[in-house]
């Protein structure tokens, strides 16, 4: 996989938000839990219908939330949020509120019962239509119910060494 990683990186980093009723080994009662996790393995897979895929390890807490709720939001994050993205990608959300800890503002999605991130440049609100076992990850395919583009800021990309941005704003003539 090392040579594949050298070829396919850098990859755009996104934050995926999810919500579900969960019962955890860490708390007694079932409760609604919102979470955020970072990933760079994602892609559009169809334009009619509009489908978007994310690749998630079944070991992740958010995998459980998405499989229980059958919805998720893809949040396209600007480079200026790299510290928050790094936090969300390096902390487990089962016991903490990543929105609060990362300093991100939560807002409700318009078409599904799931939060999204106010600071994002754009969103894809998705309903799970399929999931495919793919080795140590599961490809979760979501039907895009709502797509919103707010800004065109330089985006955050991940290399094997860290975060960069490869986008430059070009002045229109």
C-alpha atoms as a PDB file:
ATOM      1  CA  UNK A   1       0.000   0.000   0.000  1.00  0.00           C
ATOM      2  CA  UNK A   2       2.943   2.323   0.503  1.00  0.00           C
ATOM      3  CA  UNK A   3       3.476   2.856  -3.239  1.00  0.00           C
ATOM      4  CA  UNK A   4      -0.273   3.411  -3.757  1.00  0.00           C
ATOM      5  CA  UNK A   5      -0.239   6.081  -1.045  1.00  0.00           C
ATOM      6  CA  UNK A   6       2.693   7.803  -2.693  1.00  0.00           C
ATOM      7  CA  UNK A   7       0.769   7.938  -5.954  1.00  0.00           C
ATOM      8  CA  UNK A   8      -2.717   8.985  -4.767  1.00  0.00           C
ATOM      9  CA  UNK A   9      -1.754  11.643  -2.211  1.00  0.00           C
ATOM     10  CA  UNK A  10      -2.365  14.511  -1.612  1.00  0.00           C
ATOM     11  CA  UNK A  11      -6.079  13.934  -1.055  1.00  0.00           C
ATOM     12  CA  UNK A  12      -8.703  16.437   0.024  1.00  0.00           C
ATOM     13  CA  UNK A  13      -9.655  16.069   3.686  1.00  0.00           C
ATOM     14  CA  UNK A  14     -13.318  16.263   4.642  1.00  0.00           C
ATOM     15  CA  UNK A  15     -15.145  16.125   7.933  1.00  0.00           C
ATOM     16  CA  UNK A  16     -18.090  13.755   8.083  1.00  0.00           C
ATOM     17  CA  UNK A  17     -20.808  14.430  10.619  1.00  0.00           C
ATOM     18  CA  UNK A  18     -23.219  11.849  11.980  1.00  0.00           C
ATOM     19  CA  UNK A  19     -25.927  11.419  14.607  1.00  0.00           C
ATOM     20  CA  UNK A  20     -27.617   8.388  16.126  1.00  0.00           C
ATOM     21  CA  UNK A  21     -29.100   7.002  19.317  1.00  0.00           C
ATOM     22  CA  UNK A  22     -26.348   4.967  20.934  1.00  0.00           C
ATOM     23  CA  UNK A  23     -25.765   2.880  23.984  1.00  0.00           C
ATOM     24  CA  UNK A  24     -22.110   2.800  24.909  1.00  0.00           C
ATOM     25  CA  UNK A  25     -20.040   0.866  27.373  1.00  0.00           C
ATOM     26  CA  UNK A  26     -19.144   4.303  28.787  1.00  0.00           C
ATOM     27  CA  UNK A  27     -22.635   5.521  29.741  1.00  0.00           C
ATOM     28  CA  UNK A  28     -25.697   3.832  31.188  1.00  0.00           C
ATOM     29  CA  UNK A  29     -28.612   5.031  29.053  1.00  0.00           C
ATOM     30  CA  UNK A  30     -29.180   5.311  25.330  1.00  0.00           C
ATOM     31  CA  UNK A  31     -28.655   8.881  24.147  1.00  0.00           C
ATOM     32  CA  UNK A  32     -28.427  10.916  20.958  1.00  0.00           C
ATOM     33  CA  UNK A  33     -24.810  11.428  19.982  1.00  0.00           C
ATOM     34  CA  UNK A  34     -23.436  13.768  17.328  1.00  0.00           C
ATOM     35  CA  UNK A  35     -19.943  13.189  16.035  1.00  0.00           C
ATOM     36  CA  UNK A  36     -17.366  14.426  13.541  1.00  0.00           C
ATOM     37  CA  UNK A  37     -14.543  12.471  11.950  1.00  0.00           C
ATOM     38  CA  UNK A  38     -11.916  13.309   9.348  1.00  0.00           C
ATOM     39  CA  UNK A  39     -11.163  11.287   6.263  1.00  0.00           C
ATOM     40  CA  UNK A  40      -9.568  11.634   2.867  1.00  0.00           C
ATOM     41  CA  UNK A  41     -10.877   8.493   1.173  1.00  0.00           C
ATOM     42  CA  UNK A  42     -14.050   9.750  -0.543  1.00  0.00           C
ATOM     43  CA  UNK A  43     -15.424  10.381  -4.025  1.00  0.00           C
ATOM     44  CA  UNK A  44     -18.478  11.002  -6.195  1.00  0.00           C
ATOM     45  CA  UNK A  45     -19.634   7.709  -7.721  1.00  0.00           C
ATOM     46  CA  UNK A  46     -22.680   8.648  -9.825  1.00  0.00           C
ATOM     47  CA  UNK A  47     -24.272  11.753 -11.282  1.00  0.00           C
ATOM     48  CA  UNK A  48     -27.718  10.242 -11.899  1.00  0.00           C
ATOM     49  CA  UNK A  49     -28.727   9.662  -9.203  1.00  0.00           C
ATOM     50  CA  UNK A  50     -26.147  11.746  -7.385  1.00  0.00           C
ATOM     51  CA  UNK A  51     -24.204   9.345  -5.164  1.00  0.00           C
ATOM     52  CA  UNK A  52     -21.178  10.031  -2.973  1.00  0.00           C
ATOM     53  CA  UNK A  53     -18.988   7.392  -1.297  1.00  0.00           C
ATOM     54  CA  UNK A  54     -16.879   7.501   1.841  1.00  0.00           C
ATOM     55  CA  UNK A  55     -14.510   4.772   2.975  1.00  0.00           C
ATOM     56  CA  UNK A  56     -14.701   4.127   6.731  1.00  0.00           C
ATOM     57  CA  UNK A  57     -13.099   1.618   9.053  1.00  0.00           C
ATOM     58  CA  UNK A  58     -15.788  -0.390  10.870  1.00  0.00           C
ATOM     59  CA  UNK A  59     -13.684   0.129  14.024  1.00  0.00           C
ATOM     60  CA  UNK A  60     -14.564   3.830  14.069  1.00  0.00           C
ATOM     61  CA  UNK A  61     -17.303   5.122  16.361  1.00  0.00           C
ATOM     62  CA  UNK A  62     -18.813   7.131  13.505  1.00  0.00           C
ATOM     63  CA  UNK A  63     -19.217   3.965  11.438  1.00  0.00           C
ATOM     64  CA  UNK A  64     -21.639   2.725  14.106  1.00  0.00           C
ATOM     65  CA  UNK A  65     -23.526   6.052  14.080  1.00  0.00           C
ATOM     66  CA  UNK A  66     -23.864   6.090  10.283  1.00  0.00           C
ATOM     67  CA  UNK A  67     -24.957   2.465  10.048  1.00  0.00           C
ATOM     68  CA  UNK A  68     -27.564   3.027  12.791  1.00  0.00           C
ATOM     69  CA  UNK A  69     -28.970   6.308  11.430  1.00  0.00           C
ATOM     70  CA  UNK A  70     -28.445   5.643   7.696  1.00  0.00           C
ATOM     71  CA  UNK A  71     -27.461   9.300   7.122  1.00  0.00           C
ATOM     72  CA  UNK A  72     -24.317  11.452   7.119  1.00  0.00           C
ATOM     73  CA  UNK A  73     -23.099  14.867   5.978  1.00  0.00           C
ATOM     74  CA  UNK A  74     -19.889  15.432   4.023  1.00  0.00           C
ATOM     75  CA  UNK A  75     -18.441  18.808   5.087  1.00  0.00           C
ATOM     76  CA  UNK A  76     -15.830  20.324   2.749  1.00  0.00           C
ATOM     77  CA  UNK A  77     -13.475  22.210   5.025  1.00  0.00           C
ATOM     78  CA  UNK A  78     -11.335  25.245   4.234  1.00  0.00           C
ATOM     79  CA  UNK A  79      -7.607  25.186   4.917  1.00  0.00           C
ATOM     80  CA  UNK A  80      -8.028  27.796   7.667  1.00  0.00           C
ATOM     81  CA  UNK A  81      -9.810  25.100   9.763  1.00  0.00           C
ATOM     82  CA  UNK A  82      -6.847  22.715   9.684  1.00  0.00           C
ATOM     83  CA  UNK A  83      -6.370  22.700  13.476  1.00  0.00           C
ATOM     84  CA  UNK A  84     -10.021  21.766  14.051  1.00  0.00           C
ATOM     85  CA  UNK A  85      -9.805  19.078  11.358  1.00  0.00           C
ATOM     86  CA  UNK A  86      -6.651  17.680  12.951  1.00  0.00           C
ATOM     87  CA  UNK A  87      -8.402  17.580  16.317  1.00  0.00           C
ATOM     88  CA  UNK A  88     -11.430  15.758  14.874  1.00  0.00           C
ATOM     89  CA  UNK A  89      -9.178  13.264  13.113  1.00  0.00           C
ATOM     90  CA  UNK A  90      -7.111  12.436  16.171  1.00  0.00           C
ATOM     91  CA  UNK A  91      -9.694  12.142  18.969  1.00  0.00           C
ATOM     92  CA  UNK A  92     -12.371   9.527  19.552  1.00  0.00           C
ATOM     93  CA  UNK A  93     -15.836  11.055  19.762  1.00  0.00           C
ATOM     94  CA  UNK A  94     -17.555   8.532  21.970  1.00  0.00           C
ATOM     95  CA  UNK A  95     -16.837  10.420  25.192  1.00  0.00           C
ATOM     96  CA  UNK A  96     -16.331  14.008  24.018  1.00  0.00           C
ATOM     97  CA  UNK A  97     -18.211  16.660  22.090  1.00  0.00           C
ATOM     98  CA  UNK A  98     -15.911  17.231  19.117  1.00  0.00           C
ATOM     99  CA  UNK A  99     -17.926  20.258  17.984  1.00  0.00           C
ATOM    100  CA  UNK A 100     -17.177  22.017  21.281  1.00  0.00           C
ATOM    101  CA  UNK A 101     -13.619  20.750  21.684  1.00  0.00           C
ATOM    102  CA  UNK A 102     -12.619  21.622  18.107  1.00  0.00           C
ATOM    103  CA  UNK A 103     -14.345  25.024  18.250  1.00  0.00           C
ATOM    104  CA  UNK A 104     -16.735  24.238  15.374  1.00  0.00           C
ATOM    105  CA  UNK A 105     -20.306  25.485  15.157  1.00  0.00           C
ATOM    106  CA  UNK A 106     -23.068  22.934  14.689  1.00  0.00           C
ATOM    107  CA  UNK A 107     -26.097  23.577  12.497  1.00  0.00           C
ATOM    108  CA  UNK A 108     -28.884  21.234  11.479  1.00  0.00           C
ATOM    109  CA  UNK A 109     -28.919  19.687   8.033  1.00  0.00           C
ATOM    110  CA  UNK A 110     -31.943  20.637   5.948  1.00  0.00           C
ATOM    111  CA  UNK A 111     -32.929  17.252   4.492  1.00  0.00           C
ATOM    112  CA  UNK A 112     -31.817  14.693   7.110  1.00  0.00           C
ATOM    113  CA  UNK A 113     -31.614  14.385  10.899  1.00  0.00           C
ATOM    114  CA  UNK A 114     -27.910  15.117  11.218  1.00  0.00           C
ATOM    115  CA  UNK A 115     -25.689  18.055  12.125  1.00  0.00           C
ATOM    116  CA  UNK A 116     -23.389  19.821   9.700  1.00  0.00           C
ATOM    117  CA  UNK A 117     -20.500  22.218  10.284  1.00  0.00           C
ATOM    118  CA  UNK A 118     -21.213  25.919   9.842  1.00  0.00           C
ATOM    119  CA  UNK A 119     -17.595  26.740   8.908  1.00  0.00           C
ATOM    120  CA  UNK A 120     -17.605  24.313   5.944  1.00  0.00           C
ATOM    121  CA  UNK A 121     -17.313  25.651   2.392  1.00  0.00           C
ATOM    122  CA  UNK A 122     -20.012  23.231   1.255  1.00  0.00           C
ATOM    123  CA  UNK A 123     -22.082  20.231   2.281  1.00  0.00           C
ATOM    124  CA  UNK A 124     -23.493  17.029   0.896  1.00  0.00           C
ATOM    125  CA  UNK A 125     -26.412  15.729   2.933  1.00  0.00           C
ATOM    126  CA  UNK A 126     -26.551  11.995   2.261  1.00  0.00           C
ATOM    127  CA  UNK A 127     -28.808   9.034   2.914  1.00  0.00           C
ATOM    128  CA  UNK A 128     -27.085   5.630   2.925  1.00  0.00           C
ATOM    129  CA  UNK A 129     -28.146   3.486  -0.041  1.00  0.00           C
ATOM    130  CA  UNK A 130     -25.419   0.836   0.035  1.00  0.00           C
ATOM    131  CA  UNK A 131     -22.337  -0.328   1.880  1.00  0.00           C
ATOM    132  CA  UNK A 132     -19.648  -2.590   0.499  1.00  0.00           C
ATOM    133  CA  UNK A 133     -17.040  -4.540   2.433  1.00  0.00           C
ATOM    134  CA  UNK A 134     -13.651  -3.461   1.076  1.00  0.00           C
ATOM    135  CA  UNK A 135     -10.987  -5.147   3.182  1.00  0.00           C
ATOM    136  CA  UNK A 136     -10.219  -3.202   6.356  1.00  0.00           C
ATOM    137  CA  UNK A 137     -12.720  -0.472   5.363  1.00  0.00           C
ATOM    138  CA  UNK A 138     -16.362  -0.321   4.289  1.00  0.00           C
ATOM    139  CA  UNK A 139     -17.392   1.871   1.376  1.00  0.00           C
ATOM    140  CA  UNK A 140     -20.579   3.654   2.373  1.00  0.00           C
ATOM    141  CA  UNK A 141     -22.531   5.030  -0.579  1.00  0.00           C
ATOM    142  CA  UNK A 142     -24.918   7.877   0.093  1.00  0.00           C
ATOM    143  CA  UNK A 143     -27.583   9.407  -2.113  1.00  0.00           C
ATOM    144  CA  UNK A 144     -27.070  13.167  -2.073  1.00  0.00           C
ATOM    145  CA  UNK A 145     -30.369  14.695  -0.961  1.00  0.00           C
ATOM    146  CA  UNK A 146     -29.068  18.257  -0.692  1.00  0.00           C
ATOM    147  CA  UNK A 147     -25.829  19.858  -1.921  1.00  0.00           C
ATOM    148  CA  UNK A 148     -24.877  23.357  -0.810  1.00  0.00           C
ATOM    149  CA  UNK A 149     -21.826  25.349  -1.876  1.00  0.00           C
ATOM    150  CA  UNK A 150     -21.181  28.406   0.302  1.00  0.00           C
ATOM    151  CA  UNK A 151     -17.601  29.497  -0.413  1.00  0.00           C
ATOM    152  CA  UNK A 152     -14.643  28.679  -2.633  1.00  0.00           C
ATOM    153  CA  UNK A 153     -11.840  28.947  -0.072  1.00  0.00           C
ATOM    154  CA  UNK A 154      -8.540  27.111  -0.419  1.00  0.00           C
ATOM    155  CA  UNK A 155      -9.272  23.552   0.684  1.00  0.00           C
ATOM    156  CA  UNK A 156      -7.407  21.285   3.037  1.00  0.00           C
ATOM    157  CA  UNK A 157      -5.393  18.390   1.603  1.00  0.00           C
ATOM    158  CA  UNK A 158      -3.574  15.578   3.383  1.00  0.00           C
ATOM    159  CA  UNK A 159      -0.162  14.282   2.437  1.00  0.00           C
ATOM    160  CA  UNK A 160       1.632  11.460   4.183  1.00  0.00           C
ATOM    161  CA  UNK A 161       3.588  14.154   6.044  1.00  0.00           C
ATOM    162  CA  UNK A 162       0.746  16.485   7.085  1.00  0.00           C
ATOM    163  CA  UNK A 163      -1.713  19.061   5.803  1.00  0.00           C
ATOM    164  CA  UNK A 164      -1.276  21.386   2.840  1.00  0.00           C
ATOM    165  CA  UNK A 165      -3.390  23.351   0.452  1.00  0.00           C
ATOM    166  CA  UNK A 166      -2.873  23.073  -3.278  1.00  0.00           C
ATOM    167  CA  UNK A 167      -5.574  25.474  -4.343  1.00  0.00           C
ATOM    168  CA  UNK A 168      -4.818  29.038  -5.245  1.00  0.00           C
ATOM    169  CA  UNK A 169      -7.358  31.710  -5.892  1.00  0.00           C
ATOM    170  CA  UNK A 170      -7.064  32.915  -9.467  1.00  0.00           C
ATOM    171  CA  UNK A 171      -8.044  36.464 -10.267  1.00  0.00           C
ATOM    172  CA  UNK A 172     -10.640  36.778 -12.997  1.00  0.00           C
ATOM    173  CA  UNK A 173      -9.681  38.992 -15.902  1.00  0.00           C
END
